[in-house]
Protein backbone atom coordinates (compact mmCIF):
# COMPACT_ATOMS: atom_id res chain seq x y z
CA MET A 1 40.92 101.33 93.06
CA PRO A 2 43.19 103.53 95.23
CA ASP A 3 41.80 105.00 98.41
CA ARG A 4 41.89 108.75 97.74
CA LEU A 5 41.41 109.55 101.42
CA ARG A 6 44.67 107.83 102.39
CA PRO A 7 47.87 109.89 102.59
CA LYS A 8 50.40 109.43 99.82
CA GLY A 9 52.61 106.49 100.75
CA PRO A 10 56.40 106.37 100.98
CA LYS A 11 58.66 105.97 97.98
CA ILE A 12 59.60 102.28 97.84
CA ILE A 13 62.99 101.33 96.38
CA ALA A 14 64.25 97.78 95.87
CA VAL A 15 68.04 97.63 96.22
CA THR A 16 69.02 94.64 94.13
CA ASN A 17 71.72 92.88 92.15
CA GLN A 18 71.78 89.13 91.71
CA LYS A 19 75.57 89.13 92.10
CA GLY A 20 76.79 88.85 95.69
CA GLY A 21 79.53 91.02 97.14
CA VAL A 22 78.63 94.19 95.24
CA GLY A 23 77.81 96.31 98.31
CA LYS A 24 74.04 95.82 98.15
CA THR A 25 73.37 95.49 101.88
CA THR A 26 76.05 98.07 102.70
CA THR A 27 74.34 100.50 100.34
CA THR A 28 70.88 99.78 101.79
CA ILE A 29 72.05 100.36 105.37
CA ASN A 30 74.12 103.46 104.68
CA LEU A 31 71.79 105.10 102.19
CA GLY A 32 68.98 104.54 104.69
CA ALA A 33 71.08 106.08 107.46
CA ALA A 34 71.99 109.03 105.22
CA LEU A 35 68.34 109.69 104.35
CA ALA A 36 67.47 109.46 108.05
CA GLU A 37 70.28 111.91 108.80
CA LYS A 38 68.49 114.36 106.49
CA GLY A 39 65.42 114.09 108.74
CA LEU A 40 63.49 111.69 106.50
CA ALA A 41 61.63 108.72 108.03
CA VAL A 42 63.04 105.51 106.55
CA LEU A 43 62.02 101.85 106.80
CA LEU A 44 64.49 99.15 105.79
CA VAL A 45 62.91 95.86 104.76
CA ASP A 46 65.41 93.04 105.23
CA LEU A 47 64.44 90.56 102.52
CA ASP A 48 67.72 88.63 102.56
CA PRO A 49 67.69 85.35 104.55
CA GLN A 50 71.23 86.14 105.71
CA GLY A 51 69.75 89.01 107.73
CA ASN A 52 72.86 91.14 107.30
CA ALA A 53 70.95 94.43 107.17
CA SER A 54 69.39 93.57 110.53
CA THR A 55 72.75 92.63 112.04
CA GLY A 56 74.41 95.69 110.54
CA LEU A 57 71.92 97.92 112.37
CA GLY A 58 72.49 96.21 115.70
CA VAL A 59 69.31 94.11 115.81
CA ASP A 60 70.29 90.98 117.73
CA VAL A 61 68.92 87.75 116.26
CA HIS A 62 67.24 86.92 119.59
CA ASP A 63 65.30 90.18 119.43
CA ARG A 64 63.79 89.42 116.02
CA LYS A 65 60.51 88.10 117.40
CA ARG A 66 58.51 88.89 114.26
CA THR A 67 60.28 89.10 110.92
CA THR A 68 59.81 89.67 107.22
CA TYR A 69 59.09 85.94 107.00
CA ASP A 70 56.01 86.43 109.21
CA LEU A 71 55.01 89.41 107.08
CA LEU A 72 55.04 87.32 103.89
CA VAL A 73 54.19 83.76 104.92
CA ASP A 74 51.81 84.41 107.81
CA GLU A 75 50.67 87.86 106.60
CA ALA A 76 51.44 89.26 110.05
CA PRO A 77 50.34 92.85 110.81
CA LEU A 78 53.05 95.27 109.68
CA ALA A 79 53.01 97.12 112.99
CA GLU A 80 54.05 93.90 114.78
CA VAL A 81 57.07 93.39 112.51
CA ILE A 82 58.52 96.89 112.31
CA MET A 83 61.26 97.50 114.88
CA GLU A 84 63.05 100.63 115.95
CA THR A 85 66.78 100.69 115.38
CA GLY A 86 69.15 102.62 117.58
CA PHE A 87 69.19 105.43 115.01
CA GLU A 88 66.76 108.31 114.79
CA ASN A 89 64.28 108.19 111.88
CA LEU A 90 65.35 104.65 110.93
CA TRP A 91 63.19 101.51 111.36
CA ILE A 92 63.53 97.94 110.10
CA THR A 93 61.56 94.79 109.44
CA PRO A 94 64.25 92.25 110.36
CA ALA A 95 65.04 88.90 108.74
CA THR A 96 66.32 85.52 109.85
CA THR A 97 67.27 82.34 108.02
CA ASP A 98 63.56 81.34 108.17
CA LEU A 99 63.18 83.46 105.05
CA SER A 100 65.27 80.97 103.05
CA SER A 101 62.28 78.59 102.88
CA ALA A 102 59.82 81.29 101.78
CA ASP A 103 60.19 80.49 98.06
CA ILE A 104 58.98 76.93 98.62
CA GLU A 105 56.29 77.81 101.16
CA LEU A 106 54.81 80.53 98.98
CA PHE A 107 54.88 78.61 95.70
CA SER A 108 51.26 77.41 95.97
CA ASN A 109 49.97 80.85 97.04
CA GLU A 110 48.08 82.42 94.11
CA LYS A 111 49.16 85.92 95.08
CA ARG A 112 52.74 84.88 95.90
CA SER A 113 54.32 87.72 93.91
CA PHE A 114 52.15 90.40 95.56
CA LEU A 115 52.61 89.56 99.24
CA LEU A 116 55.18 92.27 99.99
CA HIS A 117 53.24 94.75 97.86
CA ASP A 118 50.14 94.15 99.98
CA ALA A 119 52.08 94.11 103.27
CA LEU A 120 53.60 97.53 102.58
CA ARG A 121 50.20 98.98 101.78
CA GLN A 122 48.50 98.03 105.02
CA HIS A 123 46.80 101.04 106.61
CA ALA A 124 49.20 100.68 109.56
CA ILE A 125 52.07 102.03 107.48
CA ASP A 126 50.32 105.41 107.35
CA ASP A 127 50.84 105.85 111.10
CA PHE A 128 54.61 105.79 110.66
CA ALA A 129 54.59 108.43 107.89
CA PHE A 130 57.64 106.96 106.20
CA ASP A 131 59.24 108.97 103.41
CA TYR A 132 61.25 106.05 102.03
CA VAL A 133 61.16 102.26 102.18
CA LEU A 134 64.39 100.55 101.10
CA ILE A 135 64.22 96.81 100.42
CA ASP A 136 67.44 94.84 100.79
CA CYS A 137 66.99 91.99 98.31
CA PRO A 138 68.76 88.60 98.33
CA PRO A 139 71.63 88.12 95.84
CA SER A 140 69.48 86.16 93.37
CA LEU A 141 66.52 86.69 91.07
CA ASN A 142 64.12 84.53 93.06
CA LEU A 143 60.54 84.94 94.30
CA LEU A 144 61.67 87.25 97.12
CA THR A 145 63.33 89.60 94.63
CA VAL A 146 60.25 89.50 92.40
CA ASN A 147 58.13 90.41 95.47
CA ALA A 148 60.41 93.40 96.04
CA MET A 149 60.08 94.56 92.43
CA VAL A 150 56.30 94.16 92.45
CA ALA A 151 56.13 96.18 95.69
CA ALA A 152 58.58 98.89 94.61
CA ASP A 153 58.29 102.14 92.73
CA SER A 154 61.84 101.74 91.47
CA VAL A 155 65.00 99.62 91.50
CA LEU A 156 68.41 100.83 92.63
CA VAL A 157 71.34 98.67 91.46
CA PRO A 158 74.73 98.73 93.23
CA LEU A 159 77.43 97.89 90.67
CA GLN A 160 80.88 96.87 91.85
CA SER A 161 83.74 98.64 90.08
CA GLU A 162 85.43 95.41 89.04
CA PHE A 163 85.86 93.16 86.01
CA PHE A 164 82.62 91.52 84.76
CA ALA A 165 80.61 94.16 86.66
CA LEU A 166 78.25 94.76 83.74
CA GLU A 167 77.76 91.04 83.11
CA GLY A 168 74.53 89.91 84.69
CA LEU A 169 73.08 93.41 84.61
CA SER A 170 71.27 92.54 81.37
CA GLN A 171 69.46 89.66 83.13
CA LEU A 172 68.39 92.01 85.91
CA MET A 173 67.08 94.50 83.35
CA LEU A 174 65.12 91.69 81.65
CA THR A 175 63.56 90.76 84.99
CA VAL A 176 62.58 94.40 85.56
CA ARG A 177 60.98 94.51 82.10
CA GLU A 178 59.11 91.27 82.77
CA VAL A 179 57.78 92.54 86.10
CA ARG A 180 56.78 95.79 84.44
CA ALA A 181 54.90 93.89 81.74
CA THR A 182 53.11 91.47 84.05
CA ALA A 183 52.72 92.86 87.56
CA ASN A 184 53.96 96.42 88.11
CA SER A 185 53.72 98.68 85.07
CA ASN A 186 55.03 101.68 87.04
CA LEU A 187 58.34 100.06 88.02
CA ARG A 188 61.37 101.99 86.83
CA ILE A 189 65.12 101.97 87.26
CA GLU A 190 66.00 104.51 89.96
CA GLY A 191 69.64 104.30 88.99
CA ILE A 192 72.94 102.45 89.07
CA VAL A 193 75.40 103.30 91.84
CA LEU A 194 79.06 102.38 91.41
CA THR A 195 80.48 100.88 94.61
CA MET A 196 83.99 100.03 95.84
CA TYR A 197 85.36 102.64 93.44
CA ASP A 198 89.09 103.38 93.46
CA ALA A 199 90.04 106.34 91.27
CA ARG A 200 93.70 105.23 91.34
CA ASN A 201 92.75 101.96 89.69
CA ASN A 202 92.57 101.83 85.88
CA LEU A 203 89.96 99.06 86.05
CA SER A 204 87.62 101.14 88.24
CA ARG A 205 87.87 104.03 85.80
CA GLN A 206 87.23 101.69 82.85
CA VAL A 207 84.14 100.19 84.54
CA GLU A 208 82.86 103.71 85.21
CA ALA A 209 83.41 104.73 81.58
CA ASP A 210 81.69 101.56 80.29
CA ALA A 211 78.75 102.02 82.66
CA ARG A 212 78.24 105.68 81.71
CA ASP A 213 78.63 104.92 77.98
CA ASN A 214 76.08 102.11 78.12
CA LEU A 215 73.65 103.42 80.74
CA GLY A 216 74.02 107.19 80.53
CA ASP A 217 72.12 109.22 83.11
CA LEU A 218 70.94 106.06 84.88
CA VAL A 219 74.36 106.00 86.57
CA PHE A 220 74.47 108.21 89.66
CA LYS A 221 77.11 110.94 89.64
CA THR A 222 77.98 109.93 93.21
CA MET A 223 80.28 106.91 93.47
CA ILE A 224 80.96 104.97 96.68
CA PRO A 225 84.72 104.68 97.23
CA ARG A 226 86.55 101.62 98.44
CA ASN A 227 86.90 102.75 102.04
CA VAL A 228 88.13 100.83 105.06
CA ARG A 229 85.71 102.62 107.40
CA VAL A 230 82.74 101.40 105.33
CA SER A 231 84.12 97.86 105.60
CA GLU A 232 84.71 98.12 109.35
CA ALA A 233 81.35 99.64 110.34
CA PRO A 234 79.22 96.43 110.09
CA SER A 235 81.47 94.62 112.58
CA PHE A 236 80.43 97.28 115.11
CA ALA A 237 76.76 96.95 114.03
CA LEU A 238 76.76 100.58 112.88
CA PRO A 239 76.16 102.48 109.66
CA VAL A 240 79.38 104.18 108.58
CA LEU A 241 77.75 107.57 109.32
CA ALA A 242 77.60 106.60 112.99
CA TYR A 243 80.96 104.80 113.00
CA ASP A 244 82.99 107.56 111.34
CA PRO A 245 80.91 110.54 110.12
CA THR A 246 83.93 112.28 108.58
CA SER A 247 85.13 109.33 106.47
CA LYS A 248 85.03 109.41 102.68
CA GLY A 249 82.47 106.60 102.78
CA SER A 250 80.12 108.60 105.00
CA GLN A 251 80.42 111.67 102.83
CA ALA A 252 79.73 109.59 99.71
CA TYR A 253 76.53 108.12 101.14
CA LEU A 254 75.33 111.56 102.24
CA ALA A 255 75.98 112.79 98.68
CA LEU A 256 74.12 109.78 97.26
CA ALA A 257 71.14 110.49 99.53
CA GLN A 258 71.13 114.10 98.37
CA GLU A 259 71.30 113.07 94.71
CA LEU A 260 68.50 110.53 95.21
CA THR A 261 66.15 113.04 96.81
CA GLU A 262 66.85 115.56 94.03
CA ARG A 263 66.09 113.10 91.21
């Protein structure tokens, strides 16, 4: 039974696509930064063993004393895992390669699918007063991704504007339906965001048309362009909004944040 005396928690969004290279981590970092730019308090949960979201926000691997692995496997207190980033209103629970063994280590745990759900509902999270929690999922439909979906209110799917983009999406939708049926009846699709979009390219336009024909209003109006500044920003451990605020990529993520908050 929910504790009616507790404040309403943050909106939790799992950013996921089992295909790699679709702009999932880039979208998590930059959407988080754009929401933070709007004055909203945002926590990024790095659930990818590659730890790219942590690196992309300038969190050195040697500074990741407590990580998402500790949160799940050792059920560490949330307050000990959350780290400040160098950006106002933006926090992170970092990840390291330790997380790659979590599937095996958690297999015998009866509540293995609910560990992140429970971790993000510790009373300690109330002290931070987060508005949004964005979960950067690994590029596979494994136990970590299921944990994210069980913990989340909704799923946001980055979709690369390239051939075969829609292939594999049906499997993701099936997983969402299965989680909804068995563990999180309130889970919904937040939306599909087209990434690496090039309006000059016939293929990009065709992927957009196919996505909108098949998925309708689930597809965000905002599309993330193929933009060199977005690609360069992670090598400087910065969101593109900090690296080049005037770039087309920055403006697109600000527009996506605005559209998300208005939905």
